[in-house]
Structure formats: structure tokens, C-alpha cells
Amino acid sequence: MRYVLLLGLAAAAWGQQLDLSSLDKLESRAQERSIIELDSEKLKLAAGLLSQDKTKANIVAGMKGVFIRTYEGSKTGDFTAADLDPIRSQLKGPKWSRIVDVREKTESNEIWLFTENGKMGGMAILSVQPGELTVVNIVGTMDLNSLSKVAGPLGIPDISSSFGGASSSNKPAPTKGTGTKDKDE
């Protein structure tokens, strides 16, 4: 009986972490893929790197994990919203709620929040755009305004504009390899 209780508690603690392994099959259709997996130990290191900025360090300290998968194809239609169905099925639990759902002809963007006892304990961002599919899963306590302060350094897309937050001037500068070609290439 104790083991069942302990397993239940462990599952509840990590209930907001999504299993992204269903996305592995997309690799065969991708020209490029990026995987970022920052578990609690790696986030502690990140908090240490941000120690000169106590606000950012405190935000990162509340996080338990940041998991990002991005797949880029060679053409529109390489990825569809249906490719995200296995992830969406994990978001059907009572503690997950979709707060943004934007669907256009060739795009689909969703933001889901995991809440427990009135506090945000996780987030999932699902995005399919022409030739690109991205899933972001953030595990741990945070608030949306604070999240925008560490979005760039951790590779998390800045979604603050979706909530009337920070302006685009807070976005990190584009880096090489973001889909634009340098003149020298």
C-alpha cells in the first residue's frame, strides 16, 4: 500500500511533464530538429548562471523542467496539427486547461496551463506552422509575466504579447540558423 501511495505522489508531482516521445517519428520528415531538455539539475546550473540577476534566478528556481522540441521540414505540409494529437491527449486531464487556441488555414497554435490549488504548475505550447512544428513543456511554478523575463535565455518562445505583456523590444535578437540566410552563405 505504501508503494502505491508513493507512486501516486510521484506521478502527481510530475503530472505536468508531458511525454514527448511520440514526436520522435517526425524526425524522418524533418530537415532540421532541435531538442532542449533542461531537467531540475540543469535548471539549477542555469539559475547559477543567472545569479547576478536575482529576479531571473528566482524564476528559474521555481521551474522543474523545460522541454522543447522543434522540427523543421522542407515544405508546407510536412507537419500537421494531427501530429500533435498524442500530446493533446495528455492535456485532457482535469488540471490542464487550454487558454489560447488559434487555428488558421495553415497554422495552429495552442497554449495550455497546468494548475493545482490555484497556482500555475506548468505550461504547454503547441505550434504547427508551414514547414515547422514546435512543442514547449515547462514544468514547475511560475507566472506568465515572470516567464517572459527568462524566455530568451532558456530558449522558450516569448508569449507575453499573447497576454498584453512585454513589447517586442524585449525579444532576443535573431541568431544564425533561425531560417534566414547570411549573405556569406
C-alpha atoms as a PDB file:
ATOM      1  CA  MET A   1       0.000   0.000   0.000  1.00  0.00           C
ATOM      2  CA  ARG A   2       2.842   2.424   0.807  1.00  0.00           C
ATOM      3  CA  TYR A   3       4.387   1.820  -2.592  1.00  0.00           C
ATOM      4  CA  VAL A   4       1.137   2.621  -4.357  1.00  0.00           C
ATOM      5  CA  LEU A   5       0.836   5.864  -2.384  1.00  0.00           C
ATOM      6  CA  LEU A   6       4.454   6.826  -3.159  1.00  0.00           C
ATOM      7  CA  LEU A   7       3.971   6.079  -6.859  1.00  0.00           C
ATOM      8  CA  GLY A   8       0.801   8.163  -6.843  1.00  0.00           C
ATOM      9  CA  LEU A   9       2.592  11.098  -5.231  1.00  0.00           C
ATOM     10  CA  ALA A  10       5.460  10.848  -7.711  1.00  0.00           C
ATOM     11  CA  ALA A  11       3.026  10.773 -10.619  1.00  0.00           C
ATOM     12  CA  ALA A  12       1.189  13.819  -9.253  1.00  0.00           C
ATOM     13  CA  ALA A  13       4.445  15.722  -8.842  1.00  0.00           C
ATOM     14  CA  TRP A  14       5.416  15.108 -12.451  1.00  0.00           C
ATOM     15  CA  GLY A  15       1.879  15.081 -13.861  1.00  0.00           C
ATOM     16  CA  GLN A  16       2.548  18.311 -15.717  1.00  0.00           C
ATOM     17  CA  GLN A  17       5.574  16.882 -17.566  1.00  0.00           C
ATOM     18  CA  LEU A  18       4.489  15.609 -20.946  1.00  0.00           C
ATOM     19  CA  ASP A  19       5.807  12.522 -22.688  1.00  0.00           C
ATOM     20  CA  LEU A  20       7.230  13.949 -25.919  1.00  0.00           C
ATOM     21  CA  SER A  21       8.482  10.603 -27.273  1.00  0.00           C
ATOM     22  CA  SER A  22       5.549  10.426 -29.710  1.00  0.00           C
ATOM     23  CA  LEU A  23       7.256  13.236 -31.627  1.00  0.00           C
ATOM     24  CA  ASP A  24      10.307  11.063 -32.385  1.00  0.00           C
ATOM     25  CA  LYS A  25       8.594   9.708 -35.507  1.00  0.00           C
ATOM     26  CA  LEU A  26       8.617  13.233 -37.001  1.00  0.00           C
ATOM     27  CA  GLU A  27      12.381  13.172 -37.299  1.00  0.00           C
ATOM     28  CA  SER A  28      12.195  11.236 -40.589  1.00  0.00           C
ATOM     29  CA  ARG A  29      10.214  14.129 -42.140  1.00  0.00           C
ATOM     30  CA  ALA A  30      12.409  16.885 -40.702  1.00  0.00           C
ATOM     31  CA  GLN A  31      15.300  18.617 -42.398  1.00  0.00           C
ATOM     32  CA  GLU A  32      16.328  20.041 -39.009  1.00  0.00           C
ATOM     33  CA  ARG A  33      15.353  19.282 -35.459  1.00  0.00           C
ATOM     34  CA  SER A  34      16.163  20.870 -32.112  1.00  0.00           C
ATOM     35  CA  ILE A  35      15.693  19.232 -28.745  1.00  0.00           C
ATOM     36  CA  ILE A  36      16.181  21.113 -25.484  1.00  0.00           C
ATOM     37  CA  GLU A  37      15.839  19.142 -22.265  1.00  0.00           C
ATOM     38  CA  LEU A  38      16.543  21.043 -19.074  1.00  0.00           C
ATOM     39  CA  ASP A  39      15.628  18.915 -16.075  1.00  0.00           C
ATOM     40  CA  SER A  40      15.791  20.241 -12.495  1.00  0.00           C
ATOM     41  CA  GLU A  41      19.553  19.668 -12.216  1.00  0.00           C
ATOM     42  CA  LYS A  42      20.307  21.552 -15.425  1.00  0.00           C
ATOM     43  CA  LEU A  43      17.966  24.347 -14.386  1.00  0.00           C
ATOM     44  CA  LYS A  44      19.923  24.714 -11.136  1.00  0.00           C
ATOM     45  CA  LEU A  45      23.003  25.306 -13.264  1.00  0.00           C
ATOM     46  CA  ALA A  46      21.075  27.873 -15.314  1.00  0.00           C
ATOM     47  CA  ALA A  47      19.966  29.599 -12.116  1.00  0.00           C
ATOM     48  CA  GLY A  48      23.633  29.803 -11.122  1.00  0.00           C
ATOM     49  CA  LEU A  49      24.484  31.432 -14.454  1.00  0.00           C
ATOM     50  CA  LEU A  50      21.704  33.946 -13.859  1.00  0.00           C
ATOM     51  CA  SER A  51      22.744  34.593 -10.240  1.00  0.00           C
ATOM     52  CA  GLN A  52      23.706  38.213 -10.957  1.00  0.00           C
ATOM     53  CA  ASP A  53      20.030  38.827 -11.760  1.00  0.00           C
ATOM     54  CA  LYS A  54      18.150  37.666  -8.654  1.00  0.00           C
ATOM     55  CA  THR A  55      14.735  38.070 -10.299  1.00  0.00           C
ATOM     56  CA  LYS A  56      15.617  35.706 -13.158  1.00  0.00           C
ATOM     57  CA  ALA A  57      17.396  33.294 -10.820  1.00  0.00           C
ATOM     58  CA  ASN A  58      14.280  33.090  -8.589  1.00  0.00           C
ATOM     59  CA  ILE A  59      12.035  32.437 -11.597  1.00  0.00           C
ATOM     60  CA  VAL A  60      14.256  29.611 -12.813  1.00  0.00           C
ATOM     61  CA  ALA A  61      14.486  28.206  -9.270  1.00  0.00           C
ATOM     62  CA  GLY A  62      10.718  27.560  -9.309  1.00  0.00           C
ATOM     63  CA  MET A  63      10.941  25.545 -12.517  1.00  0.00           C
ATOM     64  CA  LYS A  64      11.397  21.779 -12.513  1.00  0.00           C
ATOM     65  CA  GLY A  65      11.965  21.328 -16.233  1.00  0.00           C
ATOM     66  CA  VAL A  66      11.922  22.932 -19.662  1.00  0.00           C
ATOM     67  CA  PHE A  67      11.468  20.576 -22.608  1.00  0.00           C
ATOM     68  CA  ILE A  68      11.354  21.853 -26.188  1.00  0.00           C
ATOM     69  CA  ARG A  69      11.100  20.008 -29.496  1.00  0.00           C
ATOM     70  CA  THR A  70      11.213  21.787 -32.845  1.00  0.00           C
ATOM     71  CA  TYR A  71      11.088  20.096 -36.233  1.00  0.00           C
ATOM     72  CA  GLU A  72      11.627  21.980 -39.474  1.00  0.00           C
ATOM     73  CA  GLY A  73      10.663  20.485 -42.806  1.00  0.00           C
ATOM     74  CA  SER A  74      11.461  21.402 -46.353  1.00  0.00           C
ATOM     75  CA  LYS A  75       7.934  22.368 -47.366  1.00  0.00           C
ATOM     76  CA  THR A  76       4.472  23.332 -46.175  1.00  0.00           C
ATOM     77  CA  GLY A  77       2.525  20.246 -45.160  1.00  0.00           C
ATOM     78  CA  ASP A  78       5.470  18.308 -43.737  1.00  0.00           C
ATOM     79  CA  PHE A  79       3.734  18.598 -40.356  1.00  0.00           C
ATOM     80  CA  THR A  80       0.062  18.941 -39.468  1.00  0.00           C
ATOM     81  CA  ALA A  81      -1.993  19.659 -36.386  1.00  0.00           C
ATOM     82  CA  ALA A  82      -2.809  15.919 -36.275  1.00  0.00           C
ATOM     83  CA  ASP A  83       0.863  15.235 -35.466  1.00  0.00           C
ATOM     84  CA  LEU A  84       0.167  16.822 -32.074  1.00  0.00           C
ATOM     85  CA  ASP A  85      -2.794  14.567 -31.205  1.00  0.00           C
ATOM     86  CA  PRO A  86      -0.718  12.281 -28.900  1.00  0.00           C
ATOM     87  CA  ILE A  87       0.410  15.366 -26.963  1.00  0.00           C
ATOM     88  CA  ARG A  88      -3.118  16.809 -26.845  1.00  0.00           C
ATOM     89  CA  SER A  89      -4.418  13.531 -25.407  1.00  0.00           C
ATOM     90  CA  GLN A  90      -2.114  14.041 -22.401  1.00  0.00           C
ATOM     91  CA  LEU A  91      -3.612  17.508 -21.875  1.00  0.00           C
ATOM     92  CA  LYS A  92      -7.138  16.150 -21.349  1.00  0.00           C
ATOM     93  CA  GLY A  93      -6.646  15.815 -17.586  1.00  0.00           C
ATOM     94  CA  PRO A  94      -8.661  17.964 -15.173  1.00  0.00           C
ATOM     95  CA  LYS A  95      -5.672  20.110 -14.156  1.00  0.00           C
ATOM     96  CA  TRP A  96      -4.841  21.167 -17.723  1.00  0.00           C
ATOM     97  CA  SER A  97      -6.814  23.948 -19.437  1.00  0.00           C
ATOM     98  CA  ARG A  98      -6.360  25.478 -22.853  1.00  0.00           C
ATOM     99  CA  ILE A  99      -6.134  29.252 -22.653  1.00  0.00           C
ATOM    100  CA  VAL A 100      -5.203  30.026 -26.277  1.00  0.00           C
ATOM    101  CA  ASP A 101      -6.404  28.207 -29.391  1.00  0.00           C
ATOM    102  CA  VAL A 102      -5.671  29.912 -32.714  1.00  0.00           C
ATOM    103  CA  ARG A 103      -6.272  27.995 -35.916  1.00  0.00           C
ATOM    104  CA  GLU A 104      -5.781  29.299 -39.393  1.00  0.00           C
ATOM    105  CA  LYS A 105      -5.673  27.534 -42.736  1.00  0.00           C
ATOM    106  CA  THR A 106      -2.013  26.508 -42.425  1.00  0.00           C
ATOM    107  CA  GLU A 107      -1.294  27.250 -38.755  1.00  0.00           C
ATOM    108  CA  SER A 108      -2.341  26.021 -35.346  1.00  0.00           C
ATOM    109  CA  ASN A 109      -1.199  27.487 -32.009  1.00  0.00           C
ATOM    110  CA  GLU A 110      -2.304  26.418 -28.540  1.00  0.00           C
ATOM    111  CA  ILE A 111      -1.256  27.322 -25.014  1.00  0.00           C
ATOM    112  CA  TRP A 112      -2.236  25.076 -22.132  1.00  0.00           C
ATOM    113  CA  LEU A 113      -1.798  25.701 -18.384  1.00  0.00           C
ATOM    114  CA  PHE A 114      -1.452  23.147 -15.618  1.00  0.00           C
ATOM    115  CA  THR A 115      -2.930  24.500 -12.384  1.00  0.00           C
ATOM    116  CA  GLU A 116      -3.089  22.980  -8.957  1.00  0.00           C
ATOM    117  CA  ASN A 117      -4.526  24.606  -5.851  1.00  0.00           C
ATOM    118  CA  GLY A 118      -4.969  27.858  -7.782  1.00  0.00           C
ATOM    119  CA  LYS A 119      -1.303  28.067  -8.790  1.00  0.00           C
ATOM    120  CA  MET A 120       0.254  27.593 -12.191  1.00  0.00           C
ATOM    121  CA  GLY A 121       2.431  24.490 -12.127  1.00  0.00           C
ATOM    122  CA  GLY A 122       3.199  24.012 -15.809  1.00  0.00           C
ATOM    123  CA  MET A 123       2.625  25.084 -19.357  1.00  0.00           C
ATOM    124  CA  ALA A 124       2.479  23.537 -22.795  1.00  0.00           C
ATOM    125  CA  ILE A 125       2.769  25.393 -26.085  1.00  0.00           C
ATOM    126  CA  LEU A 126       1.851  23.519 -29.269  1.00  0.00           C
ATOM    127  CA  SER A 127       2.528  25.150 -32.613  1.00  0.00           C
ATOM    128  CA  VAL A 128       2.309  23.974 -36.212  1.00  0.00           C
ATOM    129  CA  GLN A 129       3.231  26.433 -38.932  1.00  0.00           C
ATOM    130  CA  PRO A 130       4.076  25.865 -42.589  1.00  0.00           C
ATOM    131  CA  GLY A 131       7.099  23.574 -42.531  1.00  0.00           C
ATOM    132  CA  GLU A 132       7.576  23.704 -38.749  1.00  0.00           C
ATOM    133  CA  LEU A 133       6.251  22.032 -35.598  1.00  0.00           C
ATOM    134  CA  THR A 134       7.175  23.087 -32.043  1.00  0.00           C
ATOM    135  CA  VAL A 135       6.210  21.781 -28.610  1.00  0.00           C
ATOM    136  CA  VAL A 136       7.289  23.520 -25.402  1.00  0.00           C
ATOM    137  CA  ASN A 137       6.625  21.956 -21.997  1.00  0.00           C
ATOM    138  CA  ILE A 138       7.535  23.933 -18.879  1.00  0.00           C
ATOM    139  CA  VAL A 139       7.215  22.150 -15.550  1.00  0.00           C
ATOM    140  CA  GLY A 140       7.129  23.954 -12.212  1.00  0.00           C
ATOM    141  CA  THR A 141       5.724  27.038 -10.555  1.00  0.00           C
ATOM    142  CA  MET A 142       5.784  30.319 -12.441  1.00  0.00           C
ATOM    143  CA  ASP A 143       3.626  33.209 -13.522  1.00  0.00           C
ATOM    144  CA  LEU A 144       3.207  34.369 -17.102  1.00  0.00           C
ATOM    145  CA  ASN A 145       4.689  37.837 -16.557  1.00  0.00           C
ATOM    146  CA  SER A 146       7.815  36.412 -14.938  1.00  0.00           C
ATOM    147  CA  LEU A 147       8.203  33.784 -17.627  1.00  0.00           C
ATOM    148  CA  SER A 148       8.781  36.455 -20.278  1.00  0.00           C
ATOM    149  CA  LYS A 149      11.856  37.646 -18.335  1.00  0.00           C
ATOM    150  CA  VAL A 150      13.684  34.330 -18.848  1.00  0.00           C
ATOM    151  CA  ALA A 151      12.145  33.276 -22.157  1.00  0.00           C
ATOM    152  CA  GLY A 152      15.089  34.097 -24.420  1.00  0.00           C
ATOM    153  CA  PRO A 153      17.942  32.753 -22.243  1.00  0.00           C
ATOM    154  CA  LEU A 154      16.237  29.353 -21.842  1.00  0.00           C
ATOM    155  CA  GLY A 155      15.098  29.014 -25.463  1.00  0.00           C
ATOM    156  CA  ILE A 156      11.433  29.470 -24.540  1.00  0.00           C
ATOM    157  CA  PRO A 157       9.325  31.436 -27.055  1.00  0.00           C
ATOM    158  CA  ASP A 158       8.174  34.802 -25.692  1.00  0.00           C
ATOM    159  CA  ILE A 159       4.389  34.547 -25.483  1.00  0.00           C
ATOM    160  CA  SER A 160       3.862  37.695 -23.427  1.00  0.00           C
ATOM    161  CA  SER A 161       2.344  39.544 -26.398  1.00  0.00           C
ATOM    162  CA  SER A 162      -0.491  36.985 -26.320  1.00  0.00           C
ATOM    163  CA  PHE A 163      -1.427  38.303 -22.885  1.00  0.00           C
ATOM    164  CA  GLY A 164      -0.757  42.012 -23.367  1.00  0.00           C
ATOM    165  CA  GLY A 165       2.647  41.690 -21.685  1.00  0.00           C
ATOM    166  CA  ALA A 166       6.086  42.868 -22.718  1.00  0.00           C
ATOM    167  CA  SER A 167       6.647  44.546 -26.044  1.00  0.00           C
ATOM    168  CA  SER A 168       8.586  43.021 -28.885  1.00  0.00           C
ATOM    169  CA  SER A 169      11.608  45.100 -27.856  1.00  0.00           C
ATOM    170  CA  ASN A 170      12.220  42.536 -25.092  1.00  0.00           C
ATOM    171  CA  LYS A 171      12.646  39.707 -27.581  1.00  0.00           C
ATOM    172  CA  PRO A 172      16.146  38.383 -28.064  1.00  0.00           C
ATOM    173  CA  ALA A 173      17.895  39.260 -31.312  1.00  0.00           C
ATOM    174  CA  PRO A 174      17.657  36.600 -34.031  1.00  0.00           C
ATOM    175  CA  THR A 175      20.579  34.227 -34.129  1.00  0.00           C
ATOM    176  CA  LYS A 176      22.242  32.471 -37.009  1.00  0.00           C
ATOM    177  CA  GLY A 177      20.348  29.358 -38.000  1.00  0.00           C
ATOM    178  CA  THR A 178      16.866  30.746 -37.410  1.00  0.00           C
ATOM    179  CA  GLY A 179      15.831  30.236 -41.001  1.00  0.00           C
ATOM    180  CA  THR A 180      17.392  33.340 -42.529  1.00  0.00           C
ATOM    181  CA  LYS A 181      20.430  33.101 -44.728  1.00  0.00           C
ATOM    182  CA  ASP A 182      23.537  35.188 -44.140  1.00  0.00           C
ATOM    183  CA  LYS A 183      24.984  36.944 -47.176  1.00  0.00           C
ATOM    184  CA  ASP A 184      28.175  34.894 -46.839  1.00  0.00           C
ATOM    185  CA  GLU A 185      26.399  31.533 -47.039  1.00  0.00           C
END
